[in-house]
């Protein structure tokens, strides 16, 4: 399956524990993703809980728990490890957030979105 690229200008300058949302298309559906800098590395995930297909952020672009150690679902409080997307607490425990391959090009982050067949 091929992928297309979404370029997020300036995302390479994100500070530790900063997040940034972006939009992409999955087939004909408009979707959201987010980028997170954690322990110096950048990660990109689909903005969707594994338990119920709803966005994770509390308010626009706020994904982390109060102690800033986990990505937290605003709907029911599930906790995900920032570096792996693994759910460590909550109904989808053991499941992983859908992650994307990424590449840093200067200060821009390129997120590679797998193409899905159009309905």
N, C-alpha and C. Protein backbone atom coordinates (compact mmCIF):
# COMPACT_ATOMS: atom_id res chain seq x y z
N UNK A 1 0.85 -1.17 0.00
CA UNK A 1 0.00 0.00 0.00
C UNK A 1 0.90 1.24 0.00
N UNK A 2 0.59 2.16 -0.87
CA UNK A 2 1.39 3.38 -0.95
C UNK A 2 0.93 4.40 0.09
N UNK A 3 1.68 5.46 0.21
CA UNK A 3 1.36 6.50 1.19
C UNK A 3 1.48 7.86 0.50
N UNK A 4 0.82 8.83 1.07
CA UNK A 4 1.03 10.20 0.62
C UNK A 4 1.57 10.99 1.80
N UNK A 5 2.13 12.14 1.51
CA UNK A 5 2.82 12.92 2.54
C UNK A 5 2.03 14.16 2.93
N UNK A 6 2.00 14.42 4.23
CA UNK A 6 1.46 15.66 4.77
C UNK A 6 2.63 16.39 5.40
N UNK A 7 2.89 17.60 4.95
CA UNK A 7 4.00 18.39 5.47
C UNK A 7 3.45 19.34 6.53
N UNK A 8 4.05 19.29 7.71
CA UNK A 8 3.65 20.17 8.81
C UNK A 8 4.80 21.14 9.02
N UNK A 9 4.60 22.34 8.50
CA UNK A 9 5.66 23.35 8.54
C UNK A 9 6.00 23.72 9.98
N UNK A 10 7.28 23.72 10.28
CA UNK A 10 7.77 24.15 11.59
C UNK A 10 7.61 23.15 12.71
N UNK A 11 7.03 21.99 12.46
CA UNK A 11 6.79 21.02 13.53
C UNK A 11 8.09 20.48 14.12
N UNK A 12 9.17 20.55 13.38
CA UNK A 12 10.46 20.11 13.89
C UNK A 12 10.97 20.97 15.04
N UNK A 13 10.37 22.15 15.21
CA UNK A 13 10.78 23.05 16.30
C UNK A 13 9.94 22.85 17.57
N UNK A 14 9.06 21.86 17.57
CA UNK A 14 8.26 21.61 18.78
C UNK A 14 9.18 21.39 19.98
N UNK A 15 8.81 21.94 21.11
CA UNK A 15 9.55 21.76 22.35
C UNK A 15 9.10 20.46 23.03
N UNK A 16 9.87 20.01 24.00
CA UNK A 16 9.55 18.79 24.75
C UNK A 16 8.13 18.87 25.31
N UNK A 17 7.35 17.82 25.06
CA UNK A 17 5.96 17.65 25.49
C UNK A 17 4.98 18.61 24.83
N UNK A 18 5.40 19.27 23.76
CA UNK A 18 4.48 20.09 22.97
C UNK A 18 3.80 19.21 21.94
N UNK A 19 2.55 19.56 21.60
CA UNK A 19 1.80 18.83 20.59
C UNK A 19 1.31 19.80 19.52
N UNK A 20 1.00 19.25 18.36
CA UNK A 20 0.48 20.04 17.26
C UNK A 20 -0.44 19.16 16.42
N UNK A 21 -1.68 19.62 16.23
CA UNK A 21 -2.63 18.87 15.41
C UNK A 21 -2.43 19.17 13.94
N UNK A 22 -2.85 18.21 13.11
CA UNK A 22 -2.85 18.41 11.67
C UNK A 22 -4.03 17.65 11.09
N UNK A 23 -4.42 18.01 9.87
CA UNK A 23 -5.52 17.33 9.18
C UNK A 23 -4.96 16.54 8.01
N UNK A 24 -5.67 15.47 7.69
CA UNK A 24 -5.31 14.66 6.53
C UNK A 24 -6.58 13.98 6.02
N UNK A 25 -6.47 13.33 4.90
CA UNK A 25 -7.60 12.60 4.33
C UNK A 25 -7.32 11.11 4.39
N UNK A 26 -8.36 10.38 4.73
CA UNK A 26 -8.31 8.92 4.71
C UNK A 26 -9.44 8.50 3.78
N UNK A 27 -9.09 8.17 2.55
CA UNK A 27 -10.13 7.98 1.54
C UNK A 27 -10.79 9.33 1.31
N UNK A 28 -12.09 9.38 1.48
CA UNK A 28 -12.82 10.64 1.33
C UNK A 28 -13.07 11.35 2.65
N UNK A 29 -12.68 10.73 3.75
CA UNK A 29 -12.92 11.30 5.08
C UNK A 29 -11.80 12.23 5.51
N UNK A 30 -12.19 13.37 6.05
CA UNK A 30 -11.21 14.27 6.65
C UNK A 30 -10.95 13.77 8.07
N UNK A 31 -9.68 13.65 8.44
CA UNK A 31 -9.29 13.13 9.74
C UNK A 31 -8.33 14.10 10.41
N UNK A 32 -8.08 13.86 11.71
CA UNK A 32 -7.10 14.64 12.46
C UNK A 32 -6.01 13.72 12.97
N UNK A 33 -4.82 14.27 13.04
CA UNK A 33 -3.70 13.60 13.67
C UNK A 33 -3.02 14.62 14.57
N UNK A 34 -2.01 14.16 15.29
CA UNK A 34 -1.22 15.08 16.10
C UNK A 34 0.21 14.60 16.19
N UNK A 35 1.08 15.56 16.38
CA UNK A 35 2.51 15.31 16.54
C UNK A 35 2.86 15.67 17.97
N UNK A 36 3.77 14.90 18.56
CA UNK A 36 4.20 15.10 19.94
C UNK A 36 5.71 14.95 20.01
N UNK A 37 6.36 15.85 20.73
CA UNK A 37 7.79 15.65 21.04
C UNK A 37 7.86 15.07 22.44
N UNK A 38 8.50 13.89 22.54
CA UNK A 38 8.61 13.18 23.81
C UNK A 38 10.01 12.62 23.93
N UNK A 39 10.68 12.96 25.01
CA UNK A 39 12.06 12.55 25.26
C UNK A 39 12.95 12.82 24.05
N UNK A 40 12.73 13.98 23.44
CA UNK A 40 13.56 14.43 22.33
C UNK A 40 13.14 13.93 20.97
N UNK A 41 12.29 12.92 20.90
CA UNK A 41 11.87 12.36 19.61
C UNK A 41 10.47 12.85 19.25
N UNK A 42 10.17 12.82 17.95
CA UNK A 42 8.86 13.21 17.45
C UNK A 42 8.05 11.97 17.11
N UNK A 43 6.76 12.02 17.44
CA UNK A 43 5.83 10.93 17.15
C UNK A 43 4.57 11.53 16.54
N UNK A 44 3.93 10.78 15.65
CA UNK A 44 2.67 11.22 15.04
C UNK A 44 1.64 10.11 15.19
N UNK A 45 0.44 10.49 15.62
CA UNK A 45 -0.66 9.55 15.84
C UNK A 45 -1.96 10.09 15.24
N UNK A 46 -2.87 9.18 14.95
CA UNK A 46 -4.24 9.56 14.60
C UNK A 46 -4.89 10.07 15.88
N UNK A 47 -5.66 11.13 15.78
CA UNK A 47 -6.35 11.70 16.94
C UNK A 47 -7.65 10.94 17.16
N UNK A 48 -7.50 9.70 17.66
CA UNK A 48 -8.68 8.85 17.88
C UNK A 48 -8.38 7.79 18.93
N UNK A 49 -9.24 7.71 19.92
CA UNK A 49 -9.11 6.71 20.97
C UNK A 49 -9.33 5.31 20.40
N UNK A 50 -8.67 4.34 20.96
CA UNK A 50 -8.83 2.94 20.52
C UNK A 50 -10.13 2.33 21.05
N UNK A 51 -10.69 2.88 22.10
CA UNK A 51 -11.89 2.33 22.73
C UNK A 51 -13.16 2.78 22.01
N UNK A 52 -13.31 4.08 21.86
CA UNK A 52 -14.45 4.67 21.17
C UNK A 52 -13.88 5.62 20.12
N UNK A 53 -14.35 5.55 18.89
CA UNK A 53 -13.76 6.41 17.86
C UNK A 53 -14.13 7.89 18.04
N UNK A 54 -13.44 8.51 19.01
CA UNK A 54 -13.61 9.94 19.27
C UNK A 54 -12.25 10.57 19.44
N UNK A 55 -12.17 11.89 19.27
CA UNK A 55 -10.88 12.55 19.40
C UNK A 55 -10.40 12.48 20.85
N UNK A 56 -9.09 12.53 21.00
CA UNK A 56 -8.45 12.39 22.31
C UNK A 56 -8.31 13.70 23.07
N UNK A 57 -8.17 14.82 22.37
CA UNK A 57 -7.79 16.06 23.04
C UNK A 57 -8.90 16.66 23.89
N UNK A 58 -8.48 17.17 25.06
CA UNK A 58 -9.39 17.77 26.04
C UNK A 58 -10.02 19.02 25.47
N UNK A 59 -9.20 19.91 25.06
CA UNK A 59 -9.59 21.08 24.28
C UNK A 59 -8.64 21.06 23.10
N UNK A 60 -8.86 21.92 22.17
CA UNK A 60 -8.06 21.87 20.95
C UNK A 60 -6.57 21.79 21.26
N UNK A 61 -5.95 20.70 20.82
CA UNK A 61 -4.50 20.49 20.91
C UNK A 61 -3.98 20.23 22.32
N UNK A 62 -4.80 19.75 23.25
CA UNK A 62 -4.34 19.37 24.59
C UNK A 62 -4.52 17.87 24.74
N UNK A 63 -3.42 17.14 24.69
CA UNK A 63 -3.47 15.68 24.67
C UNK A 63 -2.90 15.02 25.92
N UNK A 64 -2.15 15.73 26.72
CA UNK A 64 -1.42 15.09 27.81
C UNK A 64 -2.18 15.13 29.13
N UNK A 65 -1.93 14.12 29.94
CA UNK A 65 -2.49 14.06 31.29
C UNK A 65 -1.92 15.20 32.13
N UNK A 66 -2.52 15.45 33.27
CA UNK A 66 -2.05 16.56 34.12
C UNK A 66 -0.58 16.44 34.49
N UNK A 67 -0.13 15.22 34.76
CA UNK A 67 1.29 15.04 35.11
C UNK A 67 2.19 15.02 33.87
N UNK A 68 1.57 15.11 32.68
CA UNK A 68 2.27 15.17 31.39
C UNK A 68 3.10 13.92 31.09
N UNK A 69 2.72 12.80 31.70
CA UNK A 69 3.44 11.54 31.48
C UNK A 69 2.77 10.66 30.43
N UNK A 70 1.48 10.95 30.13
CA UNK A 70 0.72 10.11 29.20
C UNK A 70 -0.14 10.96 28.27
N UNK A 71 -0.47 10.37 27.14
CA UNK A 71 -1.53 10.90 26.30
C UNK A 71 -2.82 10.41 26.95
N UNK A 72 -3.79 11.29 27.14
CA UNK A 72 -5.01 10.90 27.86
C UNK A 72 -6.24 11.18 27.01
N UNK A 73 -7.15 10.21 26.96
CA UNK A 73 -8.41 10.37 26.25
C UNK A 73 -9.34 11.26 27.06
N UNK A 74 -9.85 12.31 26.43
CA UNK A 74 -10.77 13.23 27.11
C UNK A 74 -12.10 12.56 27.43
N UNK A 75 -12.47 11.56 26.68
CA UNK A 75 -13.78 10.92 26.87
C UNK A 75 -13.88 10.06 28.11
N UNK A 76 -12.89 9.23 28.36
CA UNK A 76 -12.99 8.31 29.50
C UNK A 76 -11.69 8.13 30.27
N UNK A 77 -10.67 8.90 29.93
CA UNK A 77 -9.46 8.91 30.74
C UNK A 77 -8.42 7.86 30.44
N UNK A 78 -8.59 7.06 29.38
CA UNK A 78 -7.58 6.05 29.05
C UNK A 78 -6.22 6.73 28.91
N UNK A 79 -5.17 6.03 29.33
CA UNK A 79 -3.81 6.57 29.28
C UNK A 79 -2.96 5.78 28.30
N UNK A 80 -2.25 6.50 27.44
CA UNK A 80 -1.39 5.91 26.42
C UNK A 80 0.05 6.40 26.62
N UNK A 81 1.02 5.51 26.41
CA UNK A 81 2.43 5.89 26.48
C UNK A 81 2.75 6.79 25.29
N UNK A 82 3.38 7.94 25.53
CA UNK A 82 3.68 8.87 24.43
C UNK A 82 4.61 8.30 23.36
N UNK A 83 5.57 7.50 23.74
CA UNK A 83 6.55 7.01 22.79
C UNK A 83 6.14 5.80 21.98
N UNK A 84 5.10 5.10 22.42
CA UNK A 84 4.68 3.89 21.70
C UNK A 84 3.21 3.91 21.32
N UNK A 85 2.41 4.74 21.97
CA UNK A 85 0.97 4.75 21.73
C UNK A 85 0.24 3.62 22.42
N UNK A 86 0.93 2.84 23.24
CA UNK A 86 0.33 1.71 23.93
C UNK A 86 -0.58 2.19 25.07
N UNK A 87 -1.79 1.65 25.13
CA UNK A 87 -2.71 2.00 26.22
C UNK A 87 -2.29 1.20 27.46
N UNK A 88 -1.99 1.93 28.54
CA UNK A 88 -1.54 1.29 29.78
C UNK A 88 -2.59 1.35 30.88
N UNK A 89 -3.69 2.09 30.64
CA UNK A 89 -4.77 2.13 31.61
C UNK A 89 -6.06 2.52 30.89
N UNK A 90 -7.14 1.81 31.19
CA UNK A 90 -8.44 2.12 30.60
C UNK A 90 -8.96 0.96 29.78
N UNK A 91 -10.18 1.10 29.29
CA UNK A 91 -10.84 0.01 28.56
C UNK A 91 -10.07 -0.56 27.39
N UNK A 92 -9.30 0.23 26.63
CA UNK A 92 -8.58 -0.42 25.54
C UNK A 92 -7.18 -0.88 25.91
N UNK A 93 -6.92 -1.16 27.21
CA UNK A 93 -5.58 -1.54 27.66
C UNK A 93 -4.99 -2.61 26.75
N UNK A 94 -3.74 -2.39 26.36
CA UNK A 94 -3.06 -3.31 25.46
C UNK A 94 -3.16 -2.93 24.00
N UNK A 95 -4.10 -2.05 23.65
CA UNK A 95 -4.24 -1.56 22.28
C UNK A 95 -3.28 -0.41 22.06
N UNK A 96 -3.02 -0.11 20.80
CA UNK A 96 -2.11 0.99 20.46
C UNK A 96 -2.82 2.02 19.59
N UNK A 97 -2.48 3.28 19.81
CA UNK A 97 -2.95 4.33 18.91
C UNK A 97 -2.38 4.07 17.53
N UNK A 98 -3.13 4.46 16.51
CA UNK A 98 -2.63 4.35 15.14
C UNK A 98 -1.54 5.40 14.95
N UNK A 99 -0.35 4.95 14.65
CA UNK A 99 0.79 5.84 14.47
C UNK A 99 1.15 5.97 13.00
N UNK A 100 1.92 7.00 12.70
CA UNK A 100 2.35 7.25 11.34
C UNK A 100 3.86 7.33 11.27
N UNK A 101 4.39 6.90 10.14
CA UNK A 101 5.81 7.06 9.87
C UNK A 101 6.05 8.54 9.63
N UNK A 102 7.17 9.04 10.14
CA UNK A 102 7.48 10.46 9.98
C UNK A 102 8.92 10.65 9.53
N UNK A 103 9.17 11.83 8.97
CA UNK A 103 10.51 12.19 8.52
C UNK A 103 10.69 13.68 8.76
N UNK A 104 11.82 14.05 9.31
CA UNK A 104 12.13 15.46 9.55
C UNK A 104 12.91 15.99 8.35
N UNK A 105 12.43 17.10 7.78
CA UNK A 105 13.12 17.76 6.67
C UNK A 105 13.33 19.21 7.09
N UNK A 106 14.50 19.50 7.61
CA UNK A 106 14.76 20.82 8.16
C UNK A 106 13.88 21.01 9.38
N UNK A 107 13.09 22.08 9.41
CA UNK A 107 12.15 22.31 10.51
C UNK A 107 10.77 21.74 10.22
N UNK A 108 10.58 21.19 9.03
CA UNK A 108 9.28 20.64 8.66
C UNK A 108 9.23 19.14 8.96
N UNK A 109 8.07 18.71 9.38
CA UNK A 109 7.85 17.29 9.64
C UNK A 109 6.97 16.75 8.53
N UNK A 110 7.39 15.64 7.95
CA UNK A 110 6.62 14.99 6.91
C UNK A 110 6.00 13.73 7.51
N UNK A 111 4.67 13.68 7.49
CA UNK A 111 3.93 12.53 8.01
C UNK A 111 3.48 11.72 6.80
N UNK A 112 3.76 10.43 6.83
CA UNK A 112 3.40 9.55 5.72
C UNK A 112 2.10 8.83 6.06
N UNK A 113 1.05 9.16 5.31
CA UNK A 113 -0.29 8.63 5.55
C UNK A 113 -0.56 7.50 4.58
N UNK A 114 -0.84 6.29 5.07
CA UNK A 114 -1.15 5.18 4.16
C UNK A 114 -2.41 5.50 3.37
N UNK A 115 -2.38 5.19 2.08
CA UNK A 115 -3.57 5.38 1.24
C UNK A 115 -4.54 4.26 1.51
N UNK A 116 -5.79 4.63 1.66
CA UNK A 116 -6.83 3.61 1.82
C UNK A 116 -7.71 3.67 0.59
N UNK A 117 -8.26 2.54 0.22
CA UNK A 117 -9.12 2.54 -0.98
C UNK A 117 -10.34 3.44 -0.76
N UNK A 118 -10.73 4.18 -1.78
CA UNK A 118 -11.93 5.01 -1.67
C UNK A 118 -13.16 4.14 -1.72
N UNK A 119 -14.18 4.50 -0.92
CA UNK A 119 -15.41 3.69 -0.90
C UNK A 119 -16.16 3.79 -2.20
